[in-house]
Amino acid sequence: DDDATVADVDEVITDIYEPINNGVYRAGFATSQEAYDEAIDDLFDALDRYDDHLANQRYLVGDSLTEADICMFTTLIRFDQVYHTHFMCNRKFVHQYDNL
């Protein structure tokens, strides 16, 4: 892989924000079953997609740690302890993914 460009990193940060970083809150604070279901589907679809992506490379963008990895990390580090149970994001634990 080539070194990550700022645009590449920004694109991934934008791509993970709504379904993952904000998705756990969309699920946890959903005011209807429909809103919860949509948030959970978006969240786990994105986690599955990035787990597949990380099967082929160590970092989200390029060959080194970037802000995109840190943005993903801030949600994933709290996922199993907080979001899985308290925010009902409980289809799967993050530790059950092979590559996240």
PDB file of N, CA and C in Angstrom:
ATOM      1  N   ASP A   1       0.827  -1.200   0.000  1.00  0.00           N
ATOM      2  CA  ASP A   1       0.000   0.000   0.000  1.00  0.00           C
ATOM      3  C   ASP A   1       0.861   1.248   0.000  1.00  0.00           C
ATOM      4  N   ASP A   2       0.370   2.288  -0.633  1.00  0.00           N
ATOM      5  CA  ASP A   2       1.028   3.582  -0.580  1.00  0.00           C
ATOM      6  C   ASP A   2       0.737   4.230   0.763  1.00  0.00           C
ATOM      7  N   ASP A   3       1.520   5.228   1.089  1.00  0.00           N
ATOM      8  CA  ASP A   3       1.243   5.975   2.307  1.00  0.00           C
ATOM      9  C   ASP A   3      -0.135   6.610   2.205  1.00  0.00           C
ATOM     10  N   ALA A   4      -0.780   6.723   3.331  1.00  0.00           N
ATOM     11  CA  ALA A   4      -2.118   7.293   3.365  1.00  0.00           C
ATOM     12  C   ALA A   4      -2.063   8.789   3.089  1.00  0.00           C
ATOM     13  N   THR A   5      -3.004   9.260   2.307  1.00  0.00           N
ATOM     14  CA  THR A   5      -3.129  10.697   2.103  1.00  0.00           C
ATOM     15  C   THR A   5      -4.155  11.238   3.086  1.00  0.00           C
ATOM     16  N   VAL A   6      -4.106  12.527   3.311  1.00  0.00           N
ATOM     17  CA  VAL A   6      -5.079  13.162   4.198  1.00  0.00           C
ATOM     18  C   VAL A   6      -6.492  12.889   3.698  1.00  0.00           C
ATOM     19  N   ALA A   7      -6.704  12.959   2.408  1.00  0.00           N
ATOM     20  CA  ALA A   7      -8.037  12.710   1.844  1.00  0.00           C
ATOM     21  C   ALA A   7      -8.488  11.276   2.096  1.00  0.00           C
ATOM     22  N   ASP A   8      -7.571  10.315   1.975  1.00  0.00           N
ATOM     23  CA  ASP A   8      -7.915   8.913   2.238  1.00  0.00           C
ATOM     24  C   ASP A   8      -8.322   8.720   3.696  1.00  0.00           C
ATOM     25  N   VAL A   9      -7.550   9.306   4.586  1.00  0.00           N
ATOM     26  CA  VAL A   9      -7.838   9.194   6.019  1.00  0.00           C
ATOM     27  C   VAL A   9      -9.175   9.852   6.329  1.00  0.00           C
ATOM     28  N   ASP A  10      -9.388  11.052   5.816  1.00  0.00           N
ATOM     29  CA  ASP A  10     -10.651  11.754   6.054  1.00  0.00           C
ATOM     30  C   ASP A  10     -11.844  10.968   5.523  1.00  0.00           C
ATOM     31  N   GLU A  11     -11.671  10.316   4.395  1.00  0.00           N
ATOM     32  CA  GLU A  11     -12.755   9.512   3.814  1.00  0.00           C
ATOM     33  C   GLU A  11     -13.143   8.364   4.747  1.00  0.00           C
ATOM     34  N   VAL A  12     -12.170   7.688   5.324  1.00  0.00           N
ATOM     35  CA  VAL A  12     -12.467   6.582   6.238  1.00  0.00           C
ATOM     36  C   VAL A  12     -13.086   7.110   7.528  1.00  0.00           C
ATOM     37  N   ILE A  13     -12.576   8.207   8.049  1.00  0.00           N
ATOM     38  CA  ILE A  13     -13.163   8.790   9.261  1.00  0.00           C
ATOM     39  C   ILE A  13     -14.636   9.113   9.020  1.00  0.00           C
ATOM     40  N   THR A  14     -14.932   9.695   7.889  1.00  0.00           N
ATOM     41  CA  THR A  14     -16.321  10.004   7.535  1.00  0.00           C
ATOM     42  C   THR A  14     -17.139   8.724   7.394  1.00  0.00           C
ATOM     43  N   ASP A  15     -16.553   7.706   6.787  1.00  0.00           N
ATOM     44  CA  ASP A  15     -17.247   6.435   6.555  1.00  0.00           C
ATOM     45  C   ASP A  15     -17.565   5.692   7.849  1.00  0.00           C
ATOM     46  N   ILE A  16     -16.707   5.794   8.854  1.00  0.00           N
ATOM     47  CA  ILE A  16     -16.955   5.059  10.102  1.00  0.00           C
ATOM     48  C   ILE A  16     -17.792   5.853  11.100  1.00  0.00           C
ATOM     49  N   TYR A  17     -17.855   7.170  10.935  1.00  0.00           N
ATOM     50  CA  TYR A  17     -18.529   7.978  11.949  1.00  0.00           C
ATOM     51  C   TYR A  17     -19.996   7.591  12.143  1.00  0.00           C
ATOM     52  N   GLU A  18     -20.789   7.676  11.099  1.00  0.00           N
ATOM     53  CA  GLU A  18     -22.236   7.475  11.266  1.00  0.00           C
ATOM     54  C   GLU A  18     -22.596   6.043  11.672  1.00  0.00           C
ATOM     55  N   PRO A  19     -22.091   5.025  11.003  1.00  0.00           N
ATOM     56  CA  PRO A  19     -22.511   3.674  11.383  1.00  0.00           C
ATOM     57  C   PRO A  19     -21.843   3.139  12.649  1.00  0.00           C
ATOM     58  N   ILE A  20     -20.618   3.569  12.960  1.00  0.00           N
ATOM     59  CA  ILE A  20     -19.885   2.978  14.083  1.00  0.00           C
ATOM     60  C   ILE A  20     -19.788   3.945  15.260  1.00  0.00           C
ATOM     61  N   ASN A  21     -19.046   5.041  15.096  1.00  0.00           N
ATOM     62  CA  ASN A  21     -18.843   5.965  16.213  1.00  0.00           C
ATOM     63  C   ASN A  21     -20.160   6.522  16.742  1.00  0.00           C
ATOM     64  N   ASN A  22     -21.023   6.947  15.852  1.00  0.00           N
ATOM     65  CA  ASN A  22     -22.320   7.465  16.251  1.00  0.00           C
ATOM     66  C   ASN A  22     -23.374   6.359  16.297  1.00  0.00           C
ATOM     67  N   GLY A  23     -23.123   5.269  15.605  1.00  0.00           N
ATOM     68  CA  GLY A  23     -24.099   4.176  15.545  1.00  0.00           C
ATOM     69  C   GLY A  23     -24.425   3.565  16.888  1.00  0.00           C
ATOM     70  N   VAL A  24     -23.416   3.448  17.751  1.00  0.00           N
ATOM     71  CA  VAL A  24     -23.678   2.886  19.082  1.00  0.00           C
ATOM     72  C   VAL A  24     -24.636   3.781  19.858  1.00  0.00           C
ATOM     73  N   TYR A  25     -24.514   5.096  19.683  1.00  0.00           N
ATOM     74  CA  TYR A  25     -25.414   6.036  20.357  1.00  0.00           C
ATOM     75  C   TYR A  25     -26.783   6.046  19.699  1.00  0.00           C
ATOM     76  N   ARG A  26     -26.822   5.924  18.381  1.00  0.00           N
ATOM     77  CA  ARG A  26     -28.108   5.829  17.687  1.00  0.00           C
ATOM     78  C   ARG A  26     -28.887   4.619  18.188  1.00  0.00           C
ATOM     79  N   ALA A  27     -28.203   3.510  18.426  1.00  0.00           N
ATOM     80  CA  ALA A  27     -28.865   2.312  18.953  1.00  0.00           C
ATOM     81  C   ALA A  27     -29.260   2.508  20.412  1.00  0.00           C
ATOM     82  N   GLY A  28     -28.317   2.964  21.210  1.00  0.00           N
ATOM     83  CA  GLY A  28     -28.550   3.086  22.648  1.00  0.00           C
ATOM     84  C   GLY A  28     -29.631   4.076  23.022  1.00  0.00           C
ATOM     85  N   PHE A  29     -29.789   5.110  22.227  1.00  0.00           N
ATOM     86  CA  PHE A  29     -30.772   6.143  22.530  1.00  0.00           C
ATOM     87  C   PHE A  29     -31.929   6.163  21.533  1.00  0.00           C
ATOM     88  N   ALA A  30     -32.118   5.081  20.821  1.00  0.00           N
ATOM     89  CA  ALA A  30     -33.214   4.994  19.848  1.00  0.00           C
ATOM     90  C   ALA A  30     -34.554   5.145  20.557  1.00  0.00           C
ATOM     91  N   THR A  31     -35.452   5.857  19.919  1.00  0.00           N
ATOM     92  CA  THR A  31     -36.772   6.077  20.511  1.00  0.00           C
ATOM     93  C   THR A  31     -37.853   5.220  19.861  1.00  0.00           C
ATOM     94  N   SER A  32     -37.439   4.354  18.938  1.00  0.00           N
ATOM     95  CA  SER A  32     -38.388   3.420  18.332  1.00  0.00           C
ATOM     96  C   SER A  32     -37.639   2.151  17.954  1.00  0.00           C
ATOM     97  N   GLN A  33     -38.384   1.089  17.810  1.00  0.00           N
ATOM     98  CA  GLN A  33     -37.774  -0.174  17.392  1.00  0.00           C
ATOM     99  C   GLN A  33     -37.162  -0.038  16.003  1.00  0.00           C
ATOM    100  N   GLU A  34     -37.849   0.688  15.134  1.00  0.00           N
ATOM    101  CA  GLU A  34     -37.347   0.887  13.773  1.00  0.00           C
ATOM    102  C   GLU A  34     -35.999   1.621  13.777  1.00  0.00           C
ATOM    103  N   ALA A  35     -35.879   2.653  14.587  1.00  0.00           N
ATOM    104  CA  ALA A  35     -34.615   3.404  14.669  1.00  0.00           C
ATOM    105  C   ALA A  35     -33.505   2.535  15.242  1.00  0.00           C
ATOM    106  N   TYR A  36     -33.838   1.743  16.261  1.00  0.00           N
ATOM    107  CA  TYR A  36     -32.857   0.823  16.847  1.00  0.00           C
ATOM    108  C   TYR A  36     -32.392  -0.204  15.812  1.00  0.00           C
ATOM    109  N   ASP A  37     -33.342  -0.830  15.129  1.00  0.00           N
ATOM    110  CA  ASP A  37     -33.002  -1.847  14.126  1.00  0.00           C
ATOM    111  C   ASP A  37     -32.108  -1.276  13.030  1.00  0.00           C
ATOM    112  N   GLU A  38     -32.419  -0.078  12.568  1.00  0.00           N
ATOM    113  CA  GLU A  38     -31.606   0.556  11.521  1.00  0.00           C
ATOM    114  C   GLU A  38     -30.187   0.833  12.027  1.00  0.00           C
ATOM    115  N   ALA A  39     -30.084   1.337  13.246  1.00  0.00           N
ATOM    116  CA  ALA A  39     -28.764   1.633  13.816  1.00  0.00           C
ATOM    117  C   ALA A  39     -27.941   0.364  13.993  1.00  0.00           C
ATOM    118  N   ILE A  40     -28.570  -0.693  14.482  1.00  0.00           N
ATOM    119  CA  ILE A  40     -27.867  -1.962  14.702  1.00  0.00           C
ATOM    120  C   ILE A  40     -27.437  -2.579  13.373  1.00  0.00           C
ATOM    121  N   ASP A  41     -28.313  -2.549  12.392  1.00  0.00           N
ATOM    122  CA  ASP A  41     -27.941  -3.074  11.069  1.00  0.00           C
ATOM    123  C   ASP A  41     -26.762  -2.299  10.489  1.00  0.00           C
ATOM    124  N   ASP A  42     -26.827  -0.973  10.554  1.00  0.00           N
ATOM    125  CA  ASP A  42     -25.730  -0.139  10.042  1.00  0.00           C
ATOM    126  C   ASP A  42     -24.432  -0.421  10.791  1.00  0.00           C
ATOM    127  N   LEU A  43     -24.517  -0.518  12.106  1.00  0.00           N
ATOM    128  CA  LEU A  43     -23.342  -0.747  12.949  1.00  0.00           C
ATOM    129  C   LEU A  43     -22.660  -2.060  12.612  1.00  0.00           C
ATOM    130  N   PHE A  44     -23.410  -3.133  12.627  1.00  0.00           N
ATOM    131  CA  PHE A  44     -22.784  -4.439  12.422  1.00  0.00           C
ATOM    132  C   PHE A  44     -22.415  -4.693  10.957  1.00  0.00           C
ATOM    133  N   ASP A  45     -23.127  -4.081  10.025  1.00  0.00           N
ATOM    134  CA  ASP A  45     -22.687  -4.145   8.623  1.00  0.00           C
ATOM    135  C   ASP A  45     -21.321  -3.479   8.474  1.00  0.00           C
ATOM    136  N   ALA A  46     -21.152  -2.323   9.105  1.00  0.00           N
ATOM    137  CA  ALA A  46     -19.873  -1.606   9.023  1.00  0.00           C
ATOM    138  C   ALA A  46     -18.771  -2.366   9.755  1.00  0.00           C
ATOM    139  N   LEU A  47     -19.064  -2.916  10.930  1.00  0.00           N
ATOM    140  CA  LEU A  47     -18.048  -3.698  11.647  1.00  0.00           C
ATOM    141  C   LEU A  47     -17.622  -4.910  10.824  1.00  0.00           C
ATOM    142  N   ASP A  48     -18.581  -5.585  10.217  1.00  0.00           N
ATOM    143  CA  ASP A  48     -18.252  -6.735   9.356  1.00  0.00           C
ATOM    144  C   ASP A  48     -17.370  -6.303   8.181  1.00  0.00           C
ATOM    145  N   ARG A  49     -17.724  -5.186   7.566  1.00  0.00           N
ATOM    146  CA  ARG A  49     -16.973  -4.686   6.412  1.00  0.00           C
ATOM    147  C   ARG A  49     -15.535  -4.337   6.805  1.00  0.00           C
ATOM    148  N   TYR A  50     -15.365  -3.664   7.934  1.00  0.00           N
ATOM    149  CA  TYR A  50     -14.009  -3.294   8.351  1.00  0.00           C
ATOM    150  C   TYR A  50     -13.232  -4.485   8.890  1.00  0.00           C
ATOM    151  N   ASP A  51     -13.906  -5.459   9.453  1.00  0.00           N
ATOM    152  CA  ASP A  51     -13.211  -6.689   9.850  1.00  0.00           C
ATOM    153  C   ASP A  51     -12.647  -7.379   8.607  1.00  0.00           C
ATOM    154  N   ASP A  52     -13.440  -7.444   7.550  1.00  0.00           N
ATOM    155  CA  ASP A  52     -12.962  -8.013   6.279  1.00  0.00           C
ATOM    156  C   ASP A  52     -11.803  -7.195   5.712  1.00  0.00           C
ATOM    157  N   HIS A  53     -11.929  -5.889   5.751  1.00  0.00           N
ATOM    158  CA  HIS A  53     -10.881  -4.994   5.250  1.00  0.00           C
ATOM    159  C   HIS A  53      -9.567  -5.234   5.994  1.00  0.00           C
ATOM    160  N   LEU A  54      -9.650  -5.379   7.306  1.00  0.00           N
ATOM    161  CA  LEU A  54      -8.445  -5.552   8.120  1.00  0.00           C
ATOM    162  C   LEU A  54      -7.882  -6.969   8.057  1.00  0.00           C
ATOM    163  N   ALA A  55      -8.558  -7.866   7.392  1.00  0.00           N
ATOM    164  CA  ALA A  55      -7.990  -9.201   7.154  1.00  0.00           C
ATOM    165  C   ALA A  55      -6.830  -9.113   6.171  1.00  0.00           C
ATOM    166  N   ASN A  56      -6.809  -8.063   5.369  1.00  0.00           N
ATOM    167  CA  ASN A  56      -5.804  -7.911   4.318  1.00  0.00           C
ATOM    168  C   ASN A  56      -4.748  -6.856   4.599  1.00  0.00           C
ATOM    169  N   GLN A  57      -4.968  -6.060   5.607  1.00  0.00           N
ATOM    170  CA  GLN A  57      -3.975  -5.046   5.971  1.00  0.00           C
ATOM    171  C   GLN A  57      -4.125  -4.706   7.440  1.00  0.00           C
ATOM    172  N   ARG A  58      -3.034  -4.242   8.037  1.00  0.00           N
ATOM    173  CA  ARG A  58      -2.993  -4.002   9.474  1.00  0.00           C
ATOM    174  C   ARG A  58      -3.726  -2.730   9.887  1.00  0.00           C
ATOM    175  N   TYR A  59      -3.700  -1.734   9.040  1.00  0.00           N
ATOM    176  CA  TYR A  59      -4.279  -0.430   9.371  1.00  0.00           C
ATOM    177  C   TYR A  59      -5.432  -0.108   8.430  1.00  0.00           C
ATOM    178  N   LEU A  60      -6.305   0.794   8.858  1.00  0.00           N
ATOM    179  CA  LEU A  60      -7.458   1.148   8.037  1.00  0.00           C
ATOM    180  C   LEU A  60      -7.059   1.813   6.731  1.00  0.00           C
ATOM    181  N   VAL A  61      -6.017   2.646   6.782  1.00  0.00           N
ATOM    182  CA  VAL A  61      -5.568   3.376   5.599  1.00  0.00           C
ATOM    183  C   VAL A  61      -4.044   3.319   5.547  1.00  0.00           C
ATOM    184  N   GLY A  62      -3.498   2.806   4.481  1.00  0.00           N
ATOM    185  CA  GLY A  62      -2.048   2.818   4.312  1.00  0.00           C
ATOM    186  C   GLY A  62      -1.324   1.815   5.194  1.00  0.00           C
ATOM    187  N   ASP A  63      -0.038   2.090   5.397  1.00  0.00           N
ATOM    188  CA  ASP A  63       0.847   1.151   6.090  1.00  0.00           C
ATOM    189  C   ASP A  63       1.246   1.578   7.491  1.00  0.00           C
ATOM    190  N   SER A  64       0.563   2.573   8.027  1.00  0.00           N
ATOM    191  CA  SER A  64       0.901   3.011   9.380  1.00  0.00           C
ATOM    192  C   SER A  64      -0.343   3.549  10.078  1.00  0.00           C
ATOM    193  N   LEU A  65      -0.227   3.693  11.370  1.00  0.00           N
ATOM    194  CA  LEU A  65      -1.317   4.199  12.192  1.00  0.00           C
ATOM    195  C   LEU A  65      -1.695   5.610  11.742  1.00  0.00           C
ATOM    196  N   THR A  66      -2.989   5.840  11.598  1.00  0.00           N
ATOM    197  CA  THR A  66      -3.481   7.169  11.225  1.00  0.00           C
ATOM    198  C   THR A  66      -4.620   7.552  12.156  1.00  0.00           C
ATOM    199  N   GLU A  67      -5.091   8.768  11.992  1.00  0.00           N
ATOM    200  CA  GLU A  67      -6.224   9.253  12.763  1.00  0.00           C
ATOM    201  C   GLU A  67      -7.455   8.365  12.554  1.00  0.00           C
ATOM    202  N   ALA A  68      -7.588   7.754  11.396  1.00  0.00           N
ATOM    203  CA  ALA A  68      -8.723   6.858  11.133  1.00  0.00           C
ATOM    204  C   ALA A  68      -8.713   5.677  12.102  1.00  0.00           C
ATOM    205  N   ASP A  69      -7.543   5.094  12.330  1.00  0.00           N
ATOM    206  CA  ASP A  69      -7.435   3.975  13.271  1.00  0.00           C
ATOM    207  C   ASP A  69      -7.805   4.418  14.681  1.00  0.00           C
ATOM    208  N   ILE A  70      -7.362   5.600  15.055  1.00  0.00           N
ATOM    209  CA  ILE A  70      -7.658   6.115  16.395  1.00  0.00           C
ATOM    210  C   ILE A  70      -9.148   6.375  16.541  1.00  0.00           C
ATOM    211  N   CYS A  71      -9.776   6.916  15.512  1.00  0.00           N
ATOM    212  CA  CYS A  71     -11.226   7.143  15.559  1.00  0.00           C
ATOM    213  C   CYS A  71     -11.997   5.835  15.718  1.00  0.00           C
ATOM    214  N   MET A  72     -11.558   4.791  15.055  1.00  0.00           N
ATOM    215  CA  MET A  72     -12.195   3.482  15.209  1.00  0.00           C
ATOM    216  C   MET A  72     -11.922   2.924  16.613  1.00  0.00           C
ATOM    217  N   PHE A  73     -10.679   3.054  17.070  1.00  0.00           N
ATOM    218  CA  PHE A  73     -10.265   2.530  18.370  1.00  0.00           C
ATOM    219  C   PHE A  73     -11.106   3.091  19.511  1.00  0.00           C
ATOM    220  N   THR A  74     -11.418   4.381  19.468  1.00  0.00           N
ATOM    221  CA  THR A  74     -12.135   4.992  20.586  1.00  0.00           C
ATOM    222  C   THR A  74     -13.502   4.348  20.821  1.00  0.00           C
ATOM    223  N   THR A  75     -14.125   3.871  19.781  1.00  0.00           N
ATOM    224  CA  THR A  75     -15.398   3.159  19.936  1.00  0.00           C
ATOM    225  C   THR A  75     -15.165   1.694  20.276  1.00  0.00           C
ATOM    226  N   LEU A  76     -14.232   1.056  19.599  1.00  0.00           N
ATOM    227  CA  LEU A  76     -14.015  -0.378  19.809  1.00  0.00           C
ATOM    228  C   LEU A  76     -13.511  -0.698  21.206  1.00  0.00           C
ATOM    229  N   ILE A  77     -12.685   0.166  21.796  1.00  0.00           N
ATOM    230  CA  ILE A  77     -12.127  -0.119  23.116  1.00  0.00           C
ATOM    231  C   ILE A  77     -13.218  -0.141  24.186  1.00  0.00           C
ATOM    232  N   ARG A  78     -14.287   0.581  23.973  1.00  0.00           N
ATOM    233  CA  ARG A  78     -15.394   0.626  24.937  1.00  0.00           C
ATOM    234  C   ARG A  78     -16.530  -0.330  24.584  1.00  0.00           C
ATOM    235  N   PHE A  79     -16.455  -0.937  23.428  1.00  0.00           N
ATOM    236  CA  PHE A  79     -17.597  -1.670  22.892  1.00  0.00           C
ATOM    237  C   PHE A  79     -18.047  -2.811  23.800  1.00  0.00           C
ATOM    238  N   ASP A  80     -17.162  -3.749  24.102  1.00  0.00           N
ATOM    239  CA  ASP A  80     -17.567  -4.946  24.847  1.00  0.00           C
ATOM    240  C   ASP A  80     -18.014  -4.621  26.267  1.00  0.00           C
ATOM    241  N   GLN A  81     -17.374  -3.647  26.895  1.00  0.00           N
ATOM    242  CA  GLN A  81     -17.698  -3.299  28.276  1.00  0.00           C
ATOM    243  C   GLN A  81     -18.922  -2.408  28.406  1.00  0.00           C
ATOM    244  N   VAL A  82     -19.162  -1.538  27.446  1.00  0.00           N
ATOM    245  CA  VAL A  82     -20.221  -0.540  27.581  1.00  0.00           C
ATOM    246  C   VAL A  82     -21.314  -0.710  26.530  1.00  0.00           C
ATOM    247  N   TYR A  83     -20.954  -0.578  25.274  1.00  0.00           N
ATOM    248  CA  TYR A  83     -21.970  -0.507  24.225  1.00  0.00           C
ATOM    249  C   TYR A  83     -22.709  -1.823  24.021  1.00  0.00           C
ATOM    250  N   HIS A  84     -22.017  -2.940  24.175  1.00  0.00           N
ATOM    251  CA  HIS A  84     -22.657  -4.243  23.959  1.00  0.00           C
ATOM    252  C   HIS A  84     -23.874  -4.410  24.858  1.00  0.00           C
ATOM    253  N   THR A  85     -23.719  -4.160  26.142  1.00  0.00           N
ATOM    254  CA  THR A  85     -24.801  -4.392  27.097  1.00  0.00           C
ATOM    255  C   THR A  85     -25.645  -3.149  27.342  1.00  0.00           C
ATOM    256  N   HIS A  86     -25.009  -2.056  27.727  1.00  0.00           N
ATOM    257  CA  HIS A  86     -25.755  -0.864  28.134  1.00  0.00           C
ATOM    258  C   HIS A  86     -26.465  -0.174  26.976  1.00  0.00           C
ATOM    259  N   PHE A  87     -25.893  -0.261  25.770  1.00  0.00           N
ATOM    260  CA  PHE A  87     -26.507   0.374  24.613  1.00  0.00           C
ATOM    261  C   PHE A  87     -27.178  -0.654  23.700  1.00  0.00           C
ATOM    262  N   MET A  88     -27.247  -1.894  24.164  1.00  0.00           N
ATOM    263  CA  MET A  88     -27.918  -2.987  23.465  1.00  0.00           C
ATOM    264  C   MET A  88     -27.366  -3.246  22.060  1.00  0.00           C
ATOM    265  N   CYS A  89     -26.066  -3.044  21.895  1.00  0.00           N
ATOM    266  CA  CYS A  89     -25.393  -3.359  20.623  1.00  0.00           C
ATOM    267  C   CYS A  89     -24.849  -4.776  20.746  1.00  0.00           C
ATOM    268  N   ASN A  90     -25.763  -5.721  20.885  1.00  0.00           N
ATOM    269  CA  ASN A  90     -25.375  -7.041  21.378  1.00  0.00           C
ATOM    270  C   ASN A  90     -25.505  -8.190  20.383  1.00  0.00           C
ATOM    271  N   ARG A  91     -25.395  -7.901  19.123  1.00  0.00           N
ATOM    272  CA  ARG A  91     -25.350  -9.002  18.148  1.00  0.00           C
ATOM    273  C   ARG A  91     -24.069  -9.805  18.291  1.00  0.00           C
ATOM    274  N   LYS A  92     -23.022  -9.113  18.647  1.00  0.00           N
ATOM    275  CA  LYS A  92     -21.705  -9.735  18.689  1.00  0.00           C
ATOM    276  C   LYS A  92     -20.789  -8.849  19.525  1.00  0.00           C
ATOM    277  N   PHE A  93     -19.829  -9.455  20.217  1.00  0.00           N
ATOM    278  CA  PHE A  93     -18.787  -8.696  20.904  1.00  0.00           C
ATOM    279  C   PHE A  93     -17.681  -8.361  19.909  1.00  0.00           C
ATOM    280  N   VAL A  94     -16.990  -7.267  20.124  1.00  0.00           N
ATOM    281  CA  VAL A  94     -15.856  -6.926  19.261  1.00  0.00           C
ATOM    282  C   VAL A  94     -14.769  -7.992  19.352  1.00  0.00           C
ATOM    283  N   HIS A  95     -14.568  -8.551  20.545  1.00  0.00           N
ATOM    284  CA  HIS A  95     -13.501  -9.560  20.677  1.00  0.00           C
ATOM    285  C   HIS A  95     -13.791 -10.830  19.869  1.00  0.00           C
ATOM    286  N   GLN A  96     -15.004 -10.976  19.365  1.00  0.00           N
ATOM    287  CA  GLN A  96     -15.332 -12.128  18.530  1.00  0.00           C
ATOM    288  C   GLN A  96     -14.948 -11.926  17.060  1.00  0.00           C
ATOM    289  N   TYR A  97     -14.592 -10.714  16.705  1.00  0.00           N
ATOM    290  CA  TYR A  97     -14.100 -10.442  15.348  1.00  0.00           C
ATOM    291  C   TYR A  97     -12.634 -10.832  15.274  1.00  0.00           C
ATOM    292  N   ASP A  98     -12.223 -11.351  14.154  1.00  0.00           N
ATOM    293  CA  ASP A  98     -10.832 -11.780  13.983  1.00  0.00           C
ATOM    294  C   ASP A  98      -9.860 -10.631  13.791  1.00  0.00           C
ATOM    295  N   ASN A  99     -10.314  -9.523  13.231  1.00  0.00           N
ATOM    296  CA  ASN A  99      -9.372  -8.499  12.778  1.00  0.00           C
ATOM    297  C   ASN A  99      -9.580  -7.105  13.345  1.00  0.00           C
ATOM    298  N   LEU A 100     -10.649  -6.895  14.077  1.00  0.00           N
ATOM    299  CA  LEU A 100     -10.883  -5.550  14.622  1.00  0.00           C
ATOM    300  C   LEU A 100     -10.044  -5.304  15.858  1.00  0.00           C
TER     301      LEU A 100
END
